[in-house]
PDB file of all heavy atoms in Angstrom:
ATOM      1  N   GLU A   1     -44.659  35.478  -6.518  1.00  0.00           N
ATOM      2  CA  GLU A   1     -43.504  36.141  -5.836  1.00  0.00           C
ATOM      3  C   GLU A   1     -43.711  37.618  -5.864  1.00  0.00           C
ATOM      4  O   GLU A   1     -43.324  38.168  -4.953  1.00  0.00           O
ATOM      5  CB  GLU A   1     -42.237  35.735  -6.508  1.00  0.00           C
ATOM      6  CG  GLU A   1     -41.811  34.262  -6.428  1.00  0.00           C
ATOM      7  CD  GLU A   1     -40.594  34.005  -7.196  1.00  0.00           C
ATOM      8  OE1 GLU A   1     -40.497  33.996  -8.480  1.00  0.00           O
ATOM      9  OE2 GLU A   1     -39.390  33.858  -6.560  1.00  0.00           O
ATOM     10  N   ILE A   2     -44.053  38.154  -6.948  1.00  0.00           N
ATOM     11  CA  ILE A   2     -44.346  39.533  -7.049  1.00  0.00           C
ATOM     12  C   ILE A   2     -45.328  40.012  -6.028  1.00  0.00           C
ATOM     13  O   ILE A   2     -45.143  41.014  -5.319  1.00  0.00           O
ATOM     14  CB  ILE A   2     -44.913  39.930  -8.530  1.00  0.00           C
ATOM     15  CG1 ILE A   2     -43.714  39.765  -9.501  1.00  0.00           C
ATOM     16  CG2 ILE A   2     -45.237  41.451  -8.518  1.00  0.00           C
ATOM     17  CD1 ILE A   2     -44.102  39.795 -10.971  1.00  0.00           C
ATOM     18  N   HIS A   3     -46.426  39.235  -6.004  1.00  0.00           N
ATOM     19  CA  HIS A   3     -47.527  39.639  -5.003  1.00  0.00           C
ATOM     20  C   HIS A   3     -47.095  39.564  -3.548  1.00  0.00           C
ATOM     21  O   HIS A   3     -47.394  40.378  -2.692  1.00  0.00           O
ATOM     22  CB  HIS A   3     -48.744  38.715  -5.317  1.00  0.00           C
ATOM     23  CG  HIS A   3     -49.353  38.980  -6.698  1.00  0.00           C
ATOM     24  ND1 HIS A   3     -50.260  38.092  -7.193  1.00  0.00           N
ATOM     25  CD2 HIS A   3     -49.038  39.793  -7.619  1.00  0.00           C
ATOM     26  CE1 HIS A   3     -50.532  38.458  -8.403  1.00  0.00           C
ATOM     27  NE2 HIS A   3     -49.753  39.537  -8.675  1.00  0.00           N
ATOM     28  N   GLN A   4     -46.299  38.475  -3.271  1.00  0.00           N
ATOM     29  CA  GLN A   4     -45.784  38.402  -1.913  1.00  0.00           C
ATOM     30  C   GLN A   4     -44.867  39.548  -1.563  1.00  0.00           C
ATOM     31  O   GLN A   4     -44.856  40.100  -0.442  1.00  0.00           O
ATOM     32  CB  GLN A   4     -45.035  37.064  -1.707  1.00  0.00           C
ATOM     33  CG  GLN A   4     -44.594  36.778  -0.316  1.00  0.00           C
ATOM     34  CD  GLN A   4     -44.418  35.327  -0.021  1.00  0.00           C
ATOM     35  OE1 GLN A   4     -45.425  34.654   0.262  1.00  0.00           O
ATOM     36  NE2 GLN A   4     -43.242  34.775   0.165  1.00  0.00           N
ATOM     37  N   LEU A   5     -43.973  39.910  -2.507  1.00  0.00           N
ATOM     38  CA  LEU A   5     -43.128  41.048  -2.215  1.00  0.00           C
ATOM     39  C   LEU A   5     -43.873  42.345  -1.887  1.00  0.00           C
ATOM     40  O   LEU A   5     -43.646  43.166  -0.974  1.00  0.00           O
ATOM     41  CB  LEU A   5     -42.223  41.272  -3.308  1.00  0.00           C
ATOM     42  CG  LEU A   5     -40.944  40.224  -3.532  1.00  0.00           C
ATOM     43  CD1 LEU A   5     -40.408  40.367  -4.927  1.00  0.00           C
ATOM     44  CD2 LEU A   5     -39.961  40.550  -2.464  1.00  0.00           C
ATOM     45  N   ILE A   6     -44.895  42.508  -2.653  1.00  0.00           N
ATOM     46  CA  ILE A   6     -45.808  43.749  -2.524  1.00  0.00           C
ATOM     47  C   ILE A   6     -46.501  43.694  -1.182  1.00  0.00           C
ATOM     48  O   ILE A   6     -46.660  44.642  -0.376  1.00  0.00           O
ATOM     49  CB  ILE A   6     -46.829  43.898  -3.650  1.00  0.00           C
ATOM     50  CG1 ILE A   6     -45.998  44.290  -4.910  1.00  0.00           C
ATOM     51  CG2 ILE A   6     -47.808  44.981  -3.407  1.00  0.00           C
ATOM     52  CD1 ILE A   6     -46.812  44.333  -6.173  1.00  0.00           C
ATOM     53  N   ALA A   7     -47.093  42.408  -0.927  1.00  0.00           N
ATOM     54  CA  ALA A   7     -47.872  42.267   0.318  1.00  0.00           C
ATOM     55  C   ALA A   7     -47.034  42.570   1.567  1.00  0.00           C
ATOM     56  O   ALA A   7     -47.355  43.190   2.465  1.00  0.00           O
ATOM     57  CB  ALA A   7     -48.364  40.789   0.337  1.00  0.00           C
ATOM     58  N   ASN A   8     -45.755  42.154   1.470  1.00  0.00           N
ATOM     59  CA  ASN A   8     -44.856  42.350   2.629  1.00  0.00           C
ATOM     60  C   ASN A   8     -44.412  43.781   2.813  1.00  0.00           C
ATOM     61  O   ASN A   8     -44.126  44.252   3.836  1.00  0.00           O
ATOM     62  CB  ASN A   8     -43.647  41.411   2.558  1.00  0.00           C
ATOM     63  CG  ASN A   8     -44.109  39.989   2.881  1.00  0.00           C
ATOM     64  OD1 ASN A   8     -45.166  39.744   3.444  1.00  0.00           O
ATOM     65  ND2 ASN A   8     -43.370  38.982   2.395  1.00  0.00           N
ATOM     66  N   LYS A   9     -44.326  44.525   1.677  1.00  0.00           N
ATOM     67  CA  LYS A   9     -44.109  45.905   1.638  1.00  0.00           C
ATOM     68  C   LYS A   9     -45.193  46.741   2.358  1.00  0.00           C
ATOM     69  O   LYS A   9     -44.882  47.835   2.932  1.00  0.00           O
ATOM     70  CB  LYS A   9     -43.877  46.499   0.238  1.00  0.00           C
ATOM     71  CG  LYS A   9     -42.513  46.159  -0.405  1.00  0.00           C
ATOM     72  CD  LYS A   9     -41.438  46.838   0.228  1.00  0.00           C
ATOM     73  CE  LYS A   9     -40.105  46.524  -0.607  1.00  0.00           C
ATOM     74  NZ  LYS A   9     -38.833  47.246  -0.020  1.00  0.00           N
ATOM     75  N   ILE A  10     -46.409  46.238   2.358  1.00  0.00           N
ATOM     76  CA  ILE A  10     -47.442  46.940   3.035  1.00  0.00           C
ATOM     77  C   ILE A  10     -47.865  46.254   4.294  1.00  0.00           C
ATOM     78  O   ILE A  10     -48.916  46.474   4.925  1.00  0.00           O
ATOM     79  CB  ILE A  10     -48.707  47.090   2.090  1.00  0.00           C
ATOM     80  CG1 ILE A  10     -49.180  45.710   1.611  1.00  0.00           C
ATOM     81  CG2 ILE A  10     -48.329  47.916   0.876  1.00  0.00           C
ATOM     82  CD1 ILE A  10     -50.484  45.878   0.792  1.00  0.00           C
ATOM     83  N   GLY A  11     -46.868  45.348   4.911  1.00  0.00           N
ATOM     84  CA  GLY A  11     -47.114  44.949   6.216  1.00  0.00           C
ATOM     85  C   GLY A  11     -47.909  43.676   6.361  1.00  0.00           C
ATOM     86  O   GLY A  11     -48.419  43.501   7.480  1.00  0.00           O
ATOM     87  N   LEU A  12     -48.102  42.851   5.394  1.00  0.00           N
ATOM     88  CA  LEU A  12     -49.011  41.673   5.530  1.00  0.00           C
ATOM     89  C   LEU A  12     -48.232  40.426   5.930  1.00  0.00           C
ATOM     90  O   LEU A  12     -48.823  39.444   6.391  1.00  0.00           O
ATOM     91  CB  LEU A  12     -49.707  41.456   4.287  1.00  0.00           C
ATOM     92  CG  LEU A  12     -50.755  42.427   3.830  1.00  0.00           C
ATOM     93  CD1 LEU A  12     -51.413  42.068   2.502  1.00  0.00           C
ATOM     94  CD2 LEU A  12     -51.857  42.653   4.863  1.00  0.00           C
ATOM     95  N   ASN A  13     -46.880  40.512   5.899  1.00  0.00           N
ATOM     96  CA  ASN A  13     -46.046  39.373   6.507  1.00  0.00           C
ATOM     97  C   ASN A  13     -46.484  38.076   5.888  1.00  0.00           C
ATOM     98  O   ASN A  13     -46.740  36.927   6.652  1.00  0.00           O
ATOM     99  CB  ASN A  13     -46.245  39.338   8.014  1.00  0.00           C
ATOM    100  CG  ASN A  13     -45.107  38.473   8.610  1.00  0.00           C
ATOM    101  OD1 ASN A  13     -43.948  38.500   8.167  1.00  0.00           O
ATOM    102  ND2 ASN A  13     -45.410  37.996   9.773  1.00  0.00           N
ATOM    103  N   TRP A  14     -46.551  37.905   4.543  1.00  0.00           N
ATOM    104  CA  TRP A  14     -46.739  36.601   3.905  1.00  0.00           C
ATOM    105  C   TRP A  14     -45.420  35.897   3.798  1.00  0.00           C
ATOM    106  O   TRP A  14     -44.373  36.425   3.771  1.00  0.00           O
ATOM    107  CB  TRP A  14     -47.269  36.794   2.474  1.00  0.00           C
ATOM    108  CG  TRP A  14     -48.581  37.350   2.378  1.00  0.00           C
ATOM    109  CD1 TRP A  14     -49.454  37.671   3.465  1.00  0.00           C
ATOM    110  CD2 TRP A  14     -49.304  37.458   1.177  1.00  0.00           C
ATOM    111  NE1 TRP A  14     -50.613  38.124   2.955  1.00  0.00           N
ATOM    112  CE2 TRP A  14     -50.677  38.126   1.579  1.00  0.00           C
ATOM    113  CE3 TRP A  14     -49.089  37.431  -0.188  1.00  0.00           C
ATOM    114  CZ2 TRP A  14     -51.622  38.430   0.704  1.00  0.00           C
ATOM    115  CZ3 TRP A  14     -50.047  37.786  -1.072  1.00  0.00           C
ATOM    116  CH2 TRP A  14     -51.337  38.249  -0.601  1.00  0.00           C
ATOM    117  N   SER A  15     -45.518  34.508   3.995  1.00  0.00           N
ATOM    118  CA  SER A  15     -44.231  33.708   3.995  1.00  0.00           C
ATOM    119  C   SER A  15     -44.424  32.416   3.171  1.00  0.00           C
ATOM    120  O   SER A  15     -43.876  31.388   3.574  1.00  0.00           O
ATOM    121  CB  SER A  15     -43.924  33.328   5.365  1.00  0.00           C
ATOM    122  OG  SER A  15     -44.970  32.780   6.123  1.00  0.00           O
ATOM    123  N   TYR A  16     -45.142  32.372   2.031  1.00  0.00           N
ATOM    124  CA  TYR A  16     -45.233  31.257   1.223  1.00  0.00           C
ATOM    125  C   TYR A  16     -43.874  30.908   0.714  1.00  0.00           C
ATOM    126  O   TYR A  16     -43.137  31.715   0.219  1.00  0.00           O
ATOM    127  CB  TYR A  16     -46.185  31.541   0.090  1.00  0.00           C
ATOM    128  CG  TYR A  16     -47.574  31.805   0.545  1.00  0.00           C
ATOM    129  CD1 TYR A  16     -48.135  33.089   0.481  1.00  0.00           C
ATOM    130  CD2 TYR A  16     -48.400  30.851   1.095  1.00  0.00           C
ATOM    131  CE1 TYR A  16     -49.432  33.382   0.886  1.00  0.00           C
ATOM    132  CE2 TYR A  16     -49.760  31.118   1.495  1.00  0.00           C
ATOM    133  CZ  TYR A  16     -50.246  32.410   1.371  1.00  0.00           C
ATOM    134  OH  TYR A  16     -51.502  32.719   1.887  1.00  0.00           O
ATOM    135  N   LYS A  17     -43.595  29.569   0.516  1.00  0.00           N
ATOM    136  CA  LYS A  17     -42.305  29.072  -0.031  1.00  0.00           C
ATOM    137  C   LYS A  17     -42.410  28.829  -1.468  1.00  0.00           C
ATOM    138  O   LYS A  17     -41.430  29.114  -2.224  1.00  0.00           O
ATOM    139  CB  LYS A  17     -41.876  27.791   0.767  1.00  0.00           C
ATOM    140  CG  LYS A  17     -41.689  27.897   2.230  1.00  0.00           C
ATOM    141  CD  LYS A  17     -40.923  26.747   2.717  1.00  0.00           C
ATOM    142  CE  LYS A  17     -41.725  25.351   2.525  1.00  0.00           C
ATOM    143  NZ  LYS A  17     -42.962  25.320   3.421  1.00  0.00           N
ATOM    144  N   ASP A  18     -43.604  28.372  -1.862  1.00  0.00           N
ATOM    145  CA  ASP A  18     -43.710  28.024  -3.393  1.00  0.00           C
ATOM    146  C   ASP A  18     -45.056  27.849  -3.747  1.00  0.00           C
ATOM    147  O   ASP A  18     -46.013  28.031  -2.884  1.00  0.00           O
ATOM    148  CB  ASP A  18     -42.922  26.711  -3.761  1.00  0.00           C
ATOM    149  CG  ASP A  18     -43.350  25.649  -2.830  1.00  0.00           C
ATOM    150  OD1 ASP A  18     -44.490  25.573  -2.336  1.00  0.00           O
ATOM    151  OD2 ASP A  18     -42.541  24.562  -2.671  1.00  0.00           O
ATOM    152  N   GLN A  19     -45.385  27.619  -5.008  1.00  0.00           N
ATOM    153  CA  GLN A  19     -46.696  27.469  -5.533  1.00  0.00           C
ATOM    154  C   GLN A  19     -47.562  26.329  -4.839  1.00  0.00           C
ATOM    155  O   GLN A  19     -48.657  26.468  -4.653  1.00  0.00           O
ATOM    156  CB  GLN A  19     -46.713  27.271  -7.136  1.00  0.00           C
ATOM    157  CG  GLN A  19     -46.072  28.354  -7.892  1.00  0.00           C
ATOM    158  CD  GLN A  19     -44.677  28.142  -8.235  1.00  0.00           C
ATOM    159  OE1 GLN A  19     -43.903  27.538  -7.327  1.00  0.00           O
ATOM    160  NE2 GLN A  19     -44.112  28.649  -9.321  1.00  0.00           N
ATOM    161  N   GLU A  20     -46.835  25.292  -4.516  1.00  0.00           N
ATOM    162  CA  GLU A  20     -47.563  24.110  -3.998  1.00  0.00           C
ATOM    163  C   GLU A  20     -48.143  24.448  -2.694  1.00  0.00           C
ATOM    164  O   GLU A  20     -49.283  24.035  -2.258  1.00  0.00           O
ATOM    165  CB  GLU A  20     -46.565  22.914  -3.834  1.00  0.00           C
ATOM    166  CG  GLU A  20     -47.284  21.699  -3.455  1.00  0.00           C
ATOM    167  CD  GLU A  20     -46.444  20.433  -3.562  1.00  0.00           C
ATOM    168  OE1 GLU A  20     -45.176  20.546  -3.839  1.00  0.00           O
ATOM    169  OE2 GLU A  20     -46.866  19.285  -3.217  1.00  0.00           O
ATOM    170  N   GLU A  21     -47.442  25.207  -1.817  1.00  0.00           N
ATOM    171  CA  GLU A  21     -47.928  25.691  -0.536  1.00  0.00           C
ATOM    172  C   GLU A  21     -49.193  26.572  -0.768  1.00  0.00           C
ATOM    173  O   GLU A  21     -50.090  26.437  -0.002  1.00  0.00           O
ATOM    174  CB  GLU A  21     -46.889  26.497   0.124  1.00  0.00           C
ATOM    175  CG  GLU A  21     -47.223  26.766   1.642  1.00  0.00           C
ATOM    176  CD  GLU A  21     -46.202  27.549   2.369  1.00  0.00           C
ATOM    177  OE1 GLU A  21     -44.998  27.538   1.950  1.00  0.00           O
ATOM    178  OE2 GLU A  21     -46.571  28.159   3.501  1.00  0.00           O
ATOM    179  N   ILE A  22     -49.098  27.435  -1.716  1.00  0.00           N
ATOM    180  CA  ILE A  22     -50.286  28.213  -1.994  1.00  0.00           C
ATOM    181  C   ILE A  22     -51.522  27.318  -2.476  1.00  0.00           C
ATOM    182  O   ILE A  22     -52.699  27.513  -2.039  1.00  0.00           O
ATOM    183  CB  ILE A  22     -50.052  29.335  -3.081  1.00  0.00           C
ATOM    184  CG1 ILE A  22     -48.975  30.299  -2.516  1.00  0.00           C
ATOM    185  CG2 ILE A  22     -51.252  30.096  -3.490  1.00  0.00           C
ATOM    186  CD1 ILE A  22     -48.320  31.116  -3.573  1.00  0.00           C
ATOM    187  N   PHE A  23     -51.201  26.401  -3.281  1.00  0.00           N
ATOM    188  CA  PHE A  23     -52.287  25.477  -3.802  1.00  0.00           C
ATOM    189  C   PHE A  23     -52.911  24.721  -2.635  1.00  0.00           C
ATOM    190  O   PHE A  23     -54.107  24.542  -2.522  1.00  0.00           O
ATOM    191  CB  PHE A  23     -51.681  24.467  -4.748  1.00  0.00           C
ATOM    192  CG  PHE A  23     -52.659  23.636  -5.515  1.00  0.00           C
ATOM    193  CD1 PHE A  23     -53.546  24.058  -6.514  1.00  0.00           C
ATOM    194  CD2 PHE A  23     -52.903  22.283  -5.069  1.00  0.00           C
ATOM    195  CE1 PHE A  23     -54.534  23.294  -7.082  1.00  0.00           C
ATOM    196  CE2 PHE A  23     -53.865  21.437  -5.690  1.00  0.00           C
ATOM    197  CZ  PHE A  23     -54.663  21.917  -6.647  1.00  0.00           C
ATOM    198  N   ASN A  24     -52.069  24.271  -1.688  1.00  0.00           N
ATOM    199  CA  ASN A  24     -52.517  23.524  -0.557  1.00  0.00           C
ATOM    200  C   ASN A  24     -53.513  24.389   0.328  1.00  0.00           C
ATOM    201  O   ASN A  24     -54.355  23.813   1.055  1.00  0.00           O
ATOM    202  CB  ASN A  24     -51.403  22.915   0.310  1.00  0.00           C
ATOM    203  CG  ASN A  24     -50.795  21.795  -0.457  1.00  0.00           C
ATOM    204  OD1 ASN A  24     -51.266  21.143  -1.377  1.00  0.00           O
ATOM    205  ND2 ASN A  24     -49.467  21.611  -0.191  1.00  0.00           N
ATOM    206  N   GLU A  25     -53.252  25.705   0.419  1.00  0.00           N
ATOM    207  CA  GLU A  25     -54.093  26.511   1.113  1.00  0.00           C
ATOM    208  C   GLU A  25     -55.445  26.756   0.321  1.00  0.00           C
ATOM    209  O   GLU A  25     -56.459  26.651   0.846  1.00  0.00           O
ATOM    210  CB  GLU A  25     -53.473  27.976   1.430  1.00  0.00           C
ATOM    211  CG  GLU A  25     -54.341  28.909   2.006  1.00  0.00           C
ATOM    212  CD  GLU A  25     -53.608  30.204   2.227  1.00  0.00           C
ATOM    213  OE1 GLU A  25     -52.649  30.331   2.927  1.00  0.00           O
ATOM    214  OE2 GLU A  25     -54.247  31.215   1.682  1.00  0.00           O
ATOM    215  N   PHE A  26     -55.257  26.902  -0.986  1.00  0.00           N
ATOM    216  CA  PHE A  26     -56.451  27.098  -1.850  1.00  0.00           C
ATOM    217  C   PHE A  26     -57.449  25.992  -1.739  1.00  0.00           C
ATOM    218  O   PHE A  26     -58.676  26.218  -1.595  1.00  0.00           O
ATOM    219  CB  PHE A  26     -55.900  27.252  -3.282  1.00  0.00           C
ATOM    220  CG  PHE A  26     -56.871  27.122  -4.400  1.00  0.00           C
ATOM    221  CD1 PHE A  26     -57.975  28.135  -4.523  1.00  0.00           C
ATOM    222  CD2 PHE A  26     -56.884  26.084  -5.292  1.00  0.00           C
ATOM    223  CE1 PHE A  26     -58.779  28.008  -5.555  1.00  0.00           C
ATOM    224  CE2 PHE A  26     -57.747  25.958  -6.311  1.00  0.00           C
ATOM    225  CZ  PHE A  26     -58.871  26.939  -6.424  1.00  0.00           C
ATOM    226  N   ILE A  27     -56.943  24.805  -1.700  1.00  0.00           N
ATOM    227  CA  ILE A  27     -57.913  23.613  -1.693  1.00  0.00           C
ATOM    228  C   ILE A  27     -58.703  23.477  -0.394  1.00  0.00           C
ATOM    229  O   ILE A  27     -59.777  22.890  -0.432  1.00  0.00           O
ATOM    230  CB  ILE A  27     -57.095  22.186  -2.017  1.00  0.00           C
ATOM    231  CG1 ILE A  27     -56.095  21.810  -0.921  1.00  0.00           C
ATOM    232  CG2 ILE A  27     -56.573  22.210  -3.378  1.00  0.00           C
ATOM    233  CD1 ILE A  27     -55.396  20.532  -1.085  1.00  0.00           C
ATOM    234  N   LYS A  28     -58.118  24.056   0.708  1.00  0.00           N
ATOM    235  CA  LYS A  28     -58.809  24.035   1.955  1.00  0.00           C
ATOM    236  C   LYS A  28     -60.071  24.972   1.920  1.00  0.00           C
ATOM    237  O   LYS A  28     -60.938  24.751   2.772  1.00  0.00           O
ATOM    238  CB  LYS A  28     -57.808  24.554   3.071  1.00  0.00           C
ATOM    239  CG  LYS A  28     -56.763  23.470   3.411  1.00  0.00           C
ATOM    240  CD  LYS A  28     -55.852  23.886   4.473  1.00  0.00           C
ATOM    241  CE  LYS A  28     -54.627  23.071   4.704  1.00  0.00           C
ATOM    242  NZ  LYS A  28     -53.687  23.618   5.641  1.00  0.00           N
ATOM    243  N   CYS A  29     -60.047  25.935   0.984  1.00  0.00           N
ATOM    244  CA  CYS A  29     -61.204  26.823   1.054  1.00  0.00           C
ATOM    245  C   CYS A  29     -62.021  26.758  -0.252  1.00  0.00           C
ATOM    246  O   CYS A  29     -62.940  27.583  -0.444  1.00  0.00           O
ATOM    247  CB  CYS A  29     -60.675  28.285   1.382  1.00  0.00           C
ATOM    248  SG  CYS A  29     -59.541  28.935   0.088  1.00  0.00           S
ATOM    249  N   THR A  30     -61.701  25.736  -1.098  1.00  0.00           N
ATOM    250  CA  THR A  30     -62.442  25.632  -2.408  1.00  0.00           C
ATOM    251  C   THR A  30     -62.973  24.114  -2.439  1.00  0.00           C
ATOM    252  O   THR A  30     -62.139  23.276  -2.859  1.00  0.00           O
ATOM    253  CB  THR A  30     -61.503  25.865  -3.562  1.00  0.00           C
ATOM    254  OG1 THR A  30     -60.822  27.151  -3.222  1.00  0.00           O
ATOM    255  CG2 THR A  30     -62.139  26.027  -4.776  1.00  0.00           C
ATOM    256  N   PRO A  31     -64.179  23.843  -2.131  1.00  0.00           N
ATOM    257  CA  PRO A  31     -64.695  22.546  -2.050  1.00  0.00           C
ATOM    258  C   PRO A  31     -64.392  21.687  -3.317  1.00  0.00           C
ATOM    259  O   PRO A  31     -64.172  20.554  -3.232  1.00  0.00           O
ATOM    260  CB  PRO A  31     -66.205  22.720  -1.755  1.00  0.00           C
ATOM    261  CG  PRO A  31     -66.159  24.133  -1.043  1.00  0.00           C
ATOM    262  CD  PRO A  31     -65.206  24.851  -1.596  1.00  0.00           C
TER     263      PRO A  31
END
């Protein structure tokens, strides 16, 4: 949450809802 708040302050427009959504992205790029 801290990282997403900072990311959005510098214009990256992140919109993750929770840890599980981040994990589901992570597994797509981590064989």
